[in-house]
């Protein structure tokens, strides 16, 4: 039997549910006709009446199917059907559709998981996300809310006069972050190329070109291990704004996060990693003062190594002062920042693209935004002196020589672009997946990525 190719003019289930609110129990609005389509997720046969639960993206509704109208129903749980009928309220008050006609649109060939318990195997949920979405209204709702969050980010930046752009995913040189890249090879160009680890260097080339306010919502890639907050493939939004600094950028970040929270949750309060937080309320702390509070701030490498060792921190993999300082921050400071926090004024060694502060040339105008012990954003007053940038790249080369394989490799073309004059600007990168974790209250990044990267199963 050939099944229909289309089912036009259908309504969403949520609309029909709303229409029956005024009906009394047992009543049917015979003057109104609606067409619904979705998946059959439950069946109850009571003589000449068959009750089905129909599910679409907007919700669930009961179908009341008199067999004298519909005929005998040859249906399996999971089949996709189209129906037409009248809004009704069952005798027990259940929002329903009194069905006149029903047609099969797609036949299920594999049995559904347990329709009561759903998919309890966590790894199976990740490997077969389509099944989890099919079985779980909560999962579908979270996917939709994440999409609303992304739309709100885009709408906010568009409304503030930013231009959305696209920059290369395949790059001859990677940069814009401390990370290991994925490497591929172009047969056409006979050269190795890298999947981007960030969008920064190309977006700032556009600042040189005079676009002044640009952003990109992008997929980026880092050839590194998984953690609750790391994924080899991840989403982020980066923006750069001419004539702004990191204080302006911090104010913009706060506005963006509040807009995203309102679109996702209808407010700015959320529960993340067991903590109630309000993403409209931010505190601030300086990097140096935060480490001083734990007694682990010094610019002497040997002294810092000794302090961390005495505190029980394993520093065997830290080969330079900058790695030790970053380790001290991630071990002592970041985990205790529960309420939304801006950590600003970082050591220059950790931030090769940021301008120095006016008060101390060993510190730069950089901030990280942290919620419940997890960084969600990183921002700078961007360096715009090409000579100084060349020196910073050279300093990063020494870091690489010291074993920091994730240090910036340098980009002469970017330095040349800067040499034509770059307006002072502020830039920020926000982890879209991490922000989704915060707003959806998910403890692991795999729960907010629809199809996370997984090890191959033999």
Protein backbone atom coordinates (compact mmCIF):
# COMPACT_ATOMS: atom_id res chain seq x y z
CA UNK A 1 0.00 0.00 0.00
CA UNK A 2 1.33 3.42 -0.98
CA UNK A 3 1.11 5.86 1.93
CA UNK A 4 0.34 9.58 1.46
CA UNK A 5 3.24 11.89 0.67
CA UNK A 6 1.76 14.87 2.52
CA UNK A 7 -0.86 15.92 5.05
CA UNK A 8 -1.53 19.61 4.43
CA UNK A 9 -3.33 22.23 6.49
CA UNK A 10 -2.69 20.58 9.81
CA UNK A 11 -3.01 22.30 13.17
CA UNK A 12 -0.74 21.93 16.18
CA UNK A 13 -2.03 19.87 19.08
CA UNK A 14 -1.44 22.75 21.50
CA UNK A 15 -3.95 24.88 19.56
CA UNK A 16 -6.67 22.26 19.79
CA UNK A 17 -6.01 21.71 23.49
CA UNK A 18 -6.49 25.44 24.02
CA UNK A 19 -9.75 25.42 22.06
CA UNK A 20 -11.38 22.81 24.28
CA UNK A 21 -10.77 24.73 27.50
CA UNK A 22 -14.26 26.28 27.33
CA UNK A 23 -16.01 22.96 26.70
CA UNK A 24 -17.75 21.02 29.44
CA UNK A 25 -16.82 17.41 30.11
CA UNK A 26 -18.40 15.16 27.50
CA UNK A 27 -19.00 18.00 25.01
CA UNK A 28 -17.88 18.22 21.37
CA UNK A 29 -17.60 21.32 19.19
CA UNK A 30 -19.15 19.75 16.07
CA UNK A 31 -19.11 23.07 14.19
CA UNK A 32 -15.30 23.21 14.24
CA UNK A 33 -13.04 20.89 12.27
CA UNK A 34 -9.33 20.43 12.88
CA UNK A 35 -6.59 18.36 11.24
CA UNK A 36 -3.81 16.92 13.37
CA UNK A 37 -0.82 14.74 12.59
CA UNK A 38 1.67 13.04 14.86
CA UNK A 39 2.78 9.80 16.44
CA UNK A 40 0.50 7.31 18.23
CA UNK A 41 1.99 6.75 21.68
CA UNK A 42 -0.82 4.92 23.50
CA UNK A 43 -3.93 2.90 22.66
CA UNK A 44 -6.98 1.83 24.67
CA UNK A 45 -9.83 -0.21 23.09
CA UNK A 46 -13.26 0.12 24.73
CA UNK A 47 -15.80 -1.65 22.56
CA UNK A 48 -16.69 0.51 19.60
CA UNK A 49 -14.47 3.35 20.82
CA UNK A 50 -10.70 3.36 20.44
CA UNK A 51 -8.72 5.94 22.42
CA UNK A 52 -5.32 6.96 21.10
CA UNK A 53 -2.71 9.35 22.46
CA UNK A 54 -1.33 11.49 19.64
CA UNK A 55 1.93 13.43 20.10
CA UNK A 56 3.43 16.21 18.00
CA UNK A 57 6.09 18.83 18.75
CA UNK A 58 3.64 21.01 20.64
CA UNK A 59 2.20 18.39 22.98
CA UNK A 60 -0.12 15.42 23.45
CA UNK A 61 -3.87 14.98 22.94
CA UNK A 62 -6.36 12.15 23.19
CA UNK A 63 -8.05 10.91 20.02
CA UNK A 64 -11.55 9.47 20.40
CA UNK A 65 -12.09 7.14 17.45
CA UNK A 66 -15.63 5.72 16.94
CA UNK A 67 -14.99 2.66 14.75
CA UNK A 68 -18.24 3.19 12.86
CA UNK A 69 -16.62 6.35 11.44
CA UNK A 70 -12.95 5.39 11.26
CA UNK A 71 -13.30 1.68 10.57
CA UNK A 72 -11.14 -0.88 12.33
CA UNK A 73 -7.77 0.63 13.18
CA UNK A 74 -4.75 -1.36 12.05
CA UNK A 75 -2.24 0.67 14.07
CA UNK A 76 0.93 -0.01 16.03
CA UNK A 77 2.40 2.10 18.81
CA UNK A 78 4.73 4.53 17.12
CA UNK A 79 2.84 4.77 13.82
CA UNK A 80 2.46 8.27 12.41
CA UNK A 81 -1.09 9.21 11.47
CA UNK A 82 -3.15 12.13 10.21
CA UNK A 83 -6.64 12.73 11.59
CA UNK A 84 -9.50 15.13 11.10
CA UNK A 85 -12.32 15.77 13.53
CA UNK A 86 -13.80 18.12 16.11
CA UNK A 87 -12.33 19.49 19.35
CA UNK A 88 -13.88 17.71 22.33
CA UNK A 89 -13.56 17.17 26.03
CA UNK A 90 -13.90 13.59 27.22
CA UNK A 91 -16.23 12.65 30.06
CA UNK A 92 -13.29 12.67 32.45
CA UNK A 93 -12.23 16.11 31.20
CA UNK A 94 -9.35 15.05 28.96
CA UNK A 95 -8.72 17.47 26.01
CA UNK A 96 -9.51 15.41 22.91
CA UNK A 97 -10.33 15.31 19.24
CA UNK A 98 -13.45 13.44 18.16
CA UNK A 99 -12.11 11.76 15.04
CA UNK A 100 -14.03 11.59 11.76
CA UNK A 101 -11.22 10.23 9.58
CA UNK A 102 -7.82 8.69 10.26
CA UNK A 103 -5.13 7.78 7.77
CA UNK A 104 -1.78 6.09 8.23
CA UNK A 105 1.14 8.28 7.14
CA UNK A 106 4.17 6.21 8.22
CA UNK A 107 4.48 2.71 9.65
CA UNK A 108 6.88 1.96 12.49
CA UNK A 109 9.21 -0.97 11.71
CA UNK A 110 11.24 -1.18 14.93
CA UNK A 111 9.58 -1.50 18.35
CA UNK A 112 9.57 1.52 20.62
CA UNK A 113 11.42 1.47 23.95
CA UNK A 114 9.33 1.09 27.09
CA UNK A 115 6.73 3.82 26.64
CA UNK A 116 6.37 4.29 30.41
CA UNK A 117 10.00 4.42 31.57
CA UNK A 118 11.53 5.79 28.35
CA UNK A 119 15.23 5.33 27.65
CA UNK A 120 17.07 4.77 30.92
CA UNK A 121 20.44 3.91 29.37
CA UNK A 122 22.32 7.25 29.30
CA UNK A 123 24.73 6.25 26.52
CA UNK A 124 21.83 5.02 24.38
CA UNK A 125 20.19 8.42 24.77
CA UNK A 126 23.31 10.06 23.33
CA UNK A 127 23.78 7.53 20.52
CA UNK A 128 20.13 7.52 19.49
CA UNK A 129 19.00 11.01 20.37
CA UNK A 130 16.11 10.67 17.94
CA UNK A 131 14.67 7.95 20.19
CA UNK A 132 15.01 10.07 23.30
CA UNK A 133 13.28 12.98 21.54
CA UNK A 134 10.56 10.63 20.31
CA UNK A 135 9.93 9.23 23.79
CA UNK A 136 10.42 12.29 26.00
CA UNK A 137 8.35 15.46 25.90
CA UNK A 138 10.86 17.00 28.32
CA UNK A 139 13.71 16.31 25.93
CA UNK A 140 11.83 17.86 23.03
CA UNK A 141 11.02 20.89 25.16
CA UNK A 142 14.69 21.34 26.08
CA UNK A 143 15.74 21.17 22.43
CA UNK A 144 13.18 23.83 21.57
CA UNK A 145 14.26 26.04 24.47
CA UNK A 146 17.89 25.80 23.40
CA UNK A 147 16.84 26.91 19.91
CA UNK A 148 15.01 29.87 21.44
CA UNK A 149 18.15 30.75 23.38
CA UNK A 150 20.22 30.83 20.20
CA UNK A 151 17.56 32.90 18.42
CA UNK A 152 17.57 35.36 21.33
CA UNK A 153 21.36 35.72 21.14
CA UNK A 154 21.14 36.45 17.43
CA UNK A 155 18.20 38.85 17.89
CA UNK A 156 20.00 40.76 20.65
CA UNK A 157 23.17 41.28 18.61
CA UNK A 158 21.22 42.12 15.46
CA UNK A 159 19.22 44.65 17.46
CA UNK A 160 22.42 46.25 18.73
CA UNK A 161 23.67 46.88 15.19
CA UNK A 162 26.00 43.92 14.79
CA UNK A 163 26.47 42.20 11.43
CA UNK A 164 26.39 38.41 11.37
CA UNK A 165 29.22 37.02 9.24
CA UNK A 166 30.77 33.71 8.27
CA UNK A 167 34.49 33.00 8.50
CA UNK A 168 36.50 29.96 7.35
CA UNK A 169 36.17 26.65 9.14
CA UNK A 170 39.17 25.25 7.28
CA UNK A 171 42.14 27.48 8.05
CA UNK A 172 45.80 27.46 6.94
CA UNK A 173 46.71 28.58 10.46
CA UNK A 174 44.63 28.11 13.59
CA UNK A 175 44.45 30.64 16.39
CA UNK A 176 42.32 32.58 18.80
CA UNK A 177 42.66 30.22 21.74
CA UNK A 178 44.87 27.78 23.60
CA UNK A 179 43.94 24.43 22.11
CA UNK A 180 45.03 21.50 19.97
CA UNK A 181 43.49 21.57 16.48
CA UNK A 182 42.13 18.87 14.22
CA UNK A 183 44.28 18.54 11.10
CA UNK A 184 43.08 17.58 7.64
CA UNK A 185 44.61 17.69 4.18
CA UNK A 186 43.51 19.49 1.03
CA UNK A 187 44.22 17.45 -2.09
CA UNK A 188 43.47 20.50 -4.23
CA UNK A 189 45.94 22.76 -2.43
CA UNK A 190 48.32 19.94 -1.44
CA UNK A 191 48.58 21.32 2.06
CA UNK A 192 47.44 20.61 5.59
CA UNK A 193 44.53 22.65 6.92
CA UNK A 194 43.12 23.01 10.42
CA UNK A 195 39.56 22.99 11.70
CA UNK A 196 39.17 26.30 13.47
CA UNK A 197 39.49 26.41 17.24
CA UNK A 198 37.99 29.92 17.37
CA UNK A 199 36.72 32.67 15.07
CA UNK A 200 38.72 35.51 16.58
CA UNK A 201 41.47 36.28 14.11
CA UNK A 202 39.20 36.38 11.08
CA UNK A 203 36.54 38.45 12.84
CA UNK A 204 39.18 41.01 13.84
CA UNK A 205 40.36 41.17 10.24
CA UNK A 206 36.82 42.40 9.54
CA UNK A 207 37.27 45.11 12.17
CA UNK A 208 40.34 46.21 10.18
CA UNK A 209 38.11 46.19 7.09
CA UNK A 210 35.73 48.67 8.70
CA UNK A 211 32.71 46.50 9.54
CA UNK A 212 33.08 47.73 13.14
CA UNK A 213 30.50 45.46 14.84
CA UNK A 214 30.55 41.80 13.79
CA UNK A 215 29.59 38.43 15.25
CA UNK A 216 29.50 34.78 14.31
CA UNK A 217 27.46 31.92 15.71
CA UNK A 218 29.68 29.02 14.84
CA UNK A 219 30.83 25.48 15.26
CA UNK A 220 34.41 25.21 16.50
CA UNK A 221 36.61 22.19 17.05
CA UNK A 222 39.33 21.27 19.55
CA UNK A 223 41.18 17.97 19.40
CA UNK A 224 40.99 17.40 23.13
CA UNK A 225 39.32 15.13 25.63
CA UNK A 226 35.73 15.23 26.87
CA UNK A 227 34.73 16.52 30.26
CA UNK A 228 31.43 17.65 31.72
CA UNK A 229 32.07 21.04 30.03
CA UNK A 230 34.26 20.12 27.04
CA UNK A 231 33.31 18.64 23.69
CA UNK A 232 35.60 18.25 20.64
CA UNK A 233 32.86 19.90 18.55
CA UNK A 234 31.09 22.80 20.21
CA UNK A 235 29.10 25.94 19.50
CA UNK A 236 30.00 29.46 20.46
CA UNK A 237 29.18 33.04 19.61
CA UNK A 238 31.98 35.57 19.22
CA UNK A 239 31.51 39.28 18.71
CA UNK A 240 33.89 42.19 18.21
CA UNK A 241 32.95 45.83 18.62
CA UNK A 242 35.10 48.74 17.48
CA UNK A 243 35.66 51.63 19.91
CA UNK A 244 34.70 49.50 22.93
CA UNK A 245 36.81 47.99 25.71
CA UNK A 246 36.39 45.05 28.07
CA UNK A 247 34.19 47.03 30.47
CA UNK A 248 31.79 47.84 27.63
CA UNK A 249 31.96 44.19 26.60
CA UNK A 250 31.17 43.00 30.14
CA UNK A 251 28.04 45.19 30.19
CA UNK A 252 26.99 43.78 26.81
CA UNK A 253 27.58 40.20 27.96
CA UNK A 254 25.31 40.71 30.95
CA UNK A 255 22.55 42.05 28.70
CA UNK A 256 22.94 39.20 26.22
CA UNK A 257 22.78 36.52 28.92
CA UNK A 258 19.67 38.10 30.45
CA UNK A 259 17.95 38.22 27.04
CA UNK A 260 18.87 34.58 26.41
CA UNK A 261 17.58 33.54 29.85
CA UNK A 262 14.26 35.32 29.34
CA UNK A 263 13.77 33.59 26.00
CA UNK A 264 14.71 30.20 27.41
CA UNK A 265 13.11 30.23 30.85
CA UNK A 266 10.89 33.29 31.01
CA UNK A 267 13.19 34.80 33.65
CA UNK A 268 16.79 35.04 34.80
CA UNK A 269 16.78 32.53 37.66
CA UNK A 270 17.97 28.99 37.10
CA UNK A 271 19.34 25.99 38.98
CA UNK A 272 22.73 24.79 37.79
CA UNK A 273 24.97 22.16 39.38
CA UNK A 274 22.82 22.22 42.51
CA UNK A 275 22.93 26.00 42.97
CA UNK A 276 20.20 28.59 42.58
CA UNK A 277 21.65 31.42 40.50
CA UNK A 278 20.35 34.63 38.96
CA UNK A 279 22.12 35.45 35.70
CA UNK A 280 21.05 39.09 35.90
CA UNK A 281 23.14 39.62 39.05
CA UNK A 282 26.93 39.65 38.66
CA UNK A 283 29.82 40.13 41.06
CA UNK A 284 33.40 41.05 40.08
CA UNK A 285 36.87 40.04 41.29
CA UNK A 286 40.40 40.67 40.01
CA UNK A 287 42.49 37.65 39.03
CA UNK A 288 45.48 38.61 41.19
CA UNK A 289 43.37 39.37 44.26
CA UNK A 290 41.57 36.05 43.91
CA UNK A 291 44.85 34.12 43.93
CA UNK A 292 46.24 36.28 46.76
CA UNK A 293 43.21 35.35 48.85
CA UNK A 294 44.33 31.71 48.59
CA UNK A 295 48.00 32.52 49.24
CA UNK A 296 49.14 31.35 45.81
CA UNK A 297 50.03 34.56 43.98
CA UNK A 298 53.65 35.19 43.01
CA UNK A 299 55.44 35.92 39.75
CA UNK A 300 58.37 33.72 40.69
CA UNK A 301 57.97 30.35 38.95
CA UNK A 302 59.87 28.30 41.54
CA UNK A 303 58.01 29.94 44.42
CA UNK A 304 54.62 29.39 42.77
CA UNK A 305 55.45 25.77 42.07
CA UNK A 306 56.43 25.31 45.72
CA UNK A 307 53.24 26.97 46.98
CA UNK A 308 51.05 24.75 44.82
CA UNK A 309 52.97 21.61 45.74
CA UNK A 310 52.62 22.47 49.43
CA UNK A 311 48.88 22.86 48.89
CA UNK A 312 48.68 19.34 47.46
CA UNK A 313 48.34 20.36 43.81
CA UNK A 314 50.03 18.08 41.26
CA UNK A 315 52.12 20.41 39.08
CA UNK A 316 54.16 17.76 37.30
CA UNK A 317 52.59 18.64 33.94
CA UNK A 318 53.02 22.41 34.35
CA UNK A 319 56.16 23.47 32.48
CA UNK A 320 56.04 27.26 32.76
CA UNK A 321 54.92 30.02 35.11
CA UNK A 322 51.83 30.73 32.99
CA UNK A 323 50.73 27.10 33.20
CA UNK A 324 51.22 27.15 36.97
CA UNK A 325 49.22 30.38 37.32
CA UNK A 326 46.39 29.01 35.20
CA UNK A 327 46.42 25.79 37.24
CA UNK A 328 46.25 27.79 40.48
CA UNK A 329 43.24 29.69 39.19
CA UNK A 330 41.37 26.60 37.98
CA UNK A 331 42.14 24.70 41.21
CA UNK A 332 41.47 27.34 43.87
CA UNK A 333 39.40 30.18 42.42
CA UNK A 334 37.08 29.01 39.66
CA UNK A 335 35.33 26.21 41.62
CA UNK A 336 34.23 28.58 44.38
CA UNK A 337 32.60 31.15 42.06
CA UNK A 338 28.98 30.06 42.35
CA UNK A 339 26.99 33.19 41.60
CA UNK A 340 27.68 34.79 38.21
CA UNK A 341 31.11 36.39 38.42
CA UNK A 342 33.39 38.48 36.21
CA UNK A 343 37.08 37.68 36.84
CA UNK A 344 39.11 40.48 35.28
CA UNK A 345 42.69 41.79 34.74
CA UNK A 346 44.66 38.66 33.88
CA UNK A 347 48.44 38.11 33.60
CA UNK A 348 49.76 39.03 30.16
CA UNK A 349 51.31 35.58 29.74
CA UNK A 350 47.84 34.01 29.66
CA UNK A 351 46.34 36.47 27.18
CA UNK A 352 48.35 37.08 23.98
CA UNK A 353 45.66 39.22 22.27
CA UNK A 354 44.64 41.62 25.05
CA UNK A 355 45.74 45.18 25.76
CA UNK A 356 47.63 45.88 28.95
CA UNK A 357 45.90 47.68 31.80
CA UNK A 358 46.71 51.32 32.40
CA UNK A 359 47.96 50.63 35.92
CA UNK A 360 50.11 47.52 35.35
CA UNK A 361 51.77 46.43 32.11
CA UNK A 362 52.08 42.86 33.38
CA UNK A 363 48.29 42.55 33.40
CA UNK A 364 45.84 42.75 30.53
CA UNK A 365 42.24 43.87 30.14
CA UNK A 366 40.66 40.44 30.00
CA UNK A 367 37.76 38.87 31.84
CA UNK A 368 36.21 35.45 32.20
CA UNK A 369 32.56 34.99 33.13
CA UNK A 370 31.96 32.11 35.55
CA UNK A 371 28.72 30.53 36.83
CA UNK A 372 28.66 27.71 39.40
CA UNK A 373 32.37 27.09 38.94
CA UNK A 374 32.24 26.93 35.12
CA UNK A 375 33.54 29.48 32.63
CA UNK A 376 30.92 30.49 30.07
CA UNK A 377 32.65 33.44 28.38
CA UNK A 378 36.06 34.98 27.75
CA UNK A 379 36.62 38.58 26.66
CA UNK A 380 39.31 41.20 26.03
CA UNK A 381 40.11 44.74 25.22
CA UNK A 382 41.74 43.59 22.01
CA UNK A 383 45.35 44.33 21.22
CA UNK A 384 45.51 46.56 18.14
CA UNK A 385 49.23 47.33 17.77
CA UNK A 386 50.76 45.09 15.10
CA UNK A 387 54.32 45.41 16.44
CA UNK A 388 53.26 44.42 19.94
CA UNK A 389 51.17 41.57 18.52
CA UNK A 390 54.25 40.21 16.72
CA UNK A 391 56.14 40.28 20.02
CA UNK A 392 53.27 38.46 21.78
CA UNK A 393 53.33 35.73 19.14
CA UNK A 394 57.06 35.38 19.68
CA UNK A 395 56.45 35.00 23.43
CA UNK A 396 53.92 32.26 22.70
CA UNK A 397 56.55 30.49 20.61
CA UNK A 398 58.68 30.19 23.73
CA UNK A 399 55.68 28.67 25.52
CA UNK A 400 55.42 26.07 22.76
CA UNK A 401 59.14 25.37 23.10
CA UNK A 402 58.49 24.77 26.80
CA UNK A 403 55.98 22.05 25.92
CA UNK A 404 52.72 23.98 25.75
CA UNK A 405 51.50 22.44 22.48
CA UNK A 406 48.24 24.37 22.74
CA UNK A 407 49.97 27.79 22.76
CA UNK A 408 49.35 30.19 19.86
CA UNK A 409 51.48 29.24 16.83
CA UNK A 410 51.48 32.78 15.40
CA UNK A 411 49.85 34.23 12.29
CA UNK A 412 51.95 36.62 10.14
CA UNK A 413 49.00 37.40 7.87
CA UNK A 414 46.97 38.55 10.84
CA UNK A 415 49.85 40.75 12.01
CA UNK A 416 50.02 42.23 8.52
CA UNK A 417 46.27 42.93 8.59
CA UNK A 418 46.72 44.75 11.89
CA UNK A 419 49.51 46.82 10.39
CA UNK A 420 46.92 48.61 8.22
CA UNK A 421 45.37 49.98 11.38
CA UNK A 422 42.81 48.31 13.66
CA UNK A 423 40.35 50.39 15.65
CA UNK A 424 40.43 49.76 19.39
CA UNK A 425 37.83 47.11 20.08
CA UNK A 426 36.37 44.74 22.62
CA UNK A 427 35.72 41.10 21.84
CA UNK A 428 33.95 38.25 23.59
CA UNK A 429 33.39 34.54 23.04
CA UNK A 430 30.47 32.81 24.76
CA UNK A 431 30.17 29.05 24.91
CA UNK A 432 26.66 28.45 23.56
CA UNK A 433 26.60 24.87 24.86
CA UNK A 434 27.78 25.98 28.30
CA UNK A 435 25.22 28.75 28.46
CA UNK A 436 22.60 26.17 27.53
CA UNK A 437 23.83 23.97 30.38
CA UNK A 438 23.32 26.84 32.82
CA UNK A 439 19.89 27.88 31.56
CA UNK A 440 18.55 24.34 31.11
CA UNK A 441 20.09 23.12 34.37
CA UNK A 442 22.14 20.33 32.79
CA UNK A 443 25.29 19.06 34.49
CA UNK A 444 27.02 17.73 31.38
CA UNK A 445 27.57 19.25 27.96
CA UNK A 446 26.41 16.06 26.22
CA UNK A 447 22.90 16.72 27.49
CA UNK A 448 22.63 19.98 25.52
CA UNK A 449 24.25 18.81 22.27
CA UNK A 450 21.76 16.89 20.16
CA UNK A 451 24.35 14.55 18.63
CA UNK A 452 27.49 14.56 20.81
CA UNK A 453 30.76 13.06 19.66
CA UNK A 454 31.15 9.54 21.09
CA UNK A 455 33.68 6.75 20.97
CA UNK A 456 32.98 4.20 18.29
CA UNK A 457 31.12 1.17 19.58
CA UNK A 458 32.42 -2.10 18.13
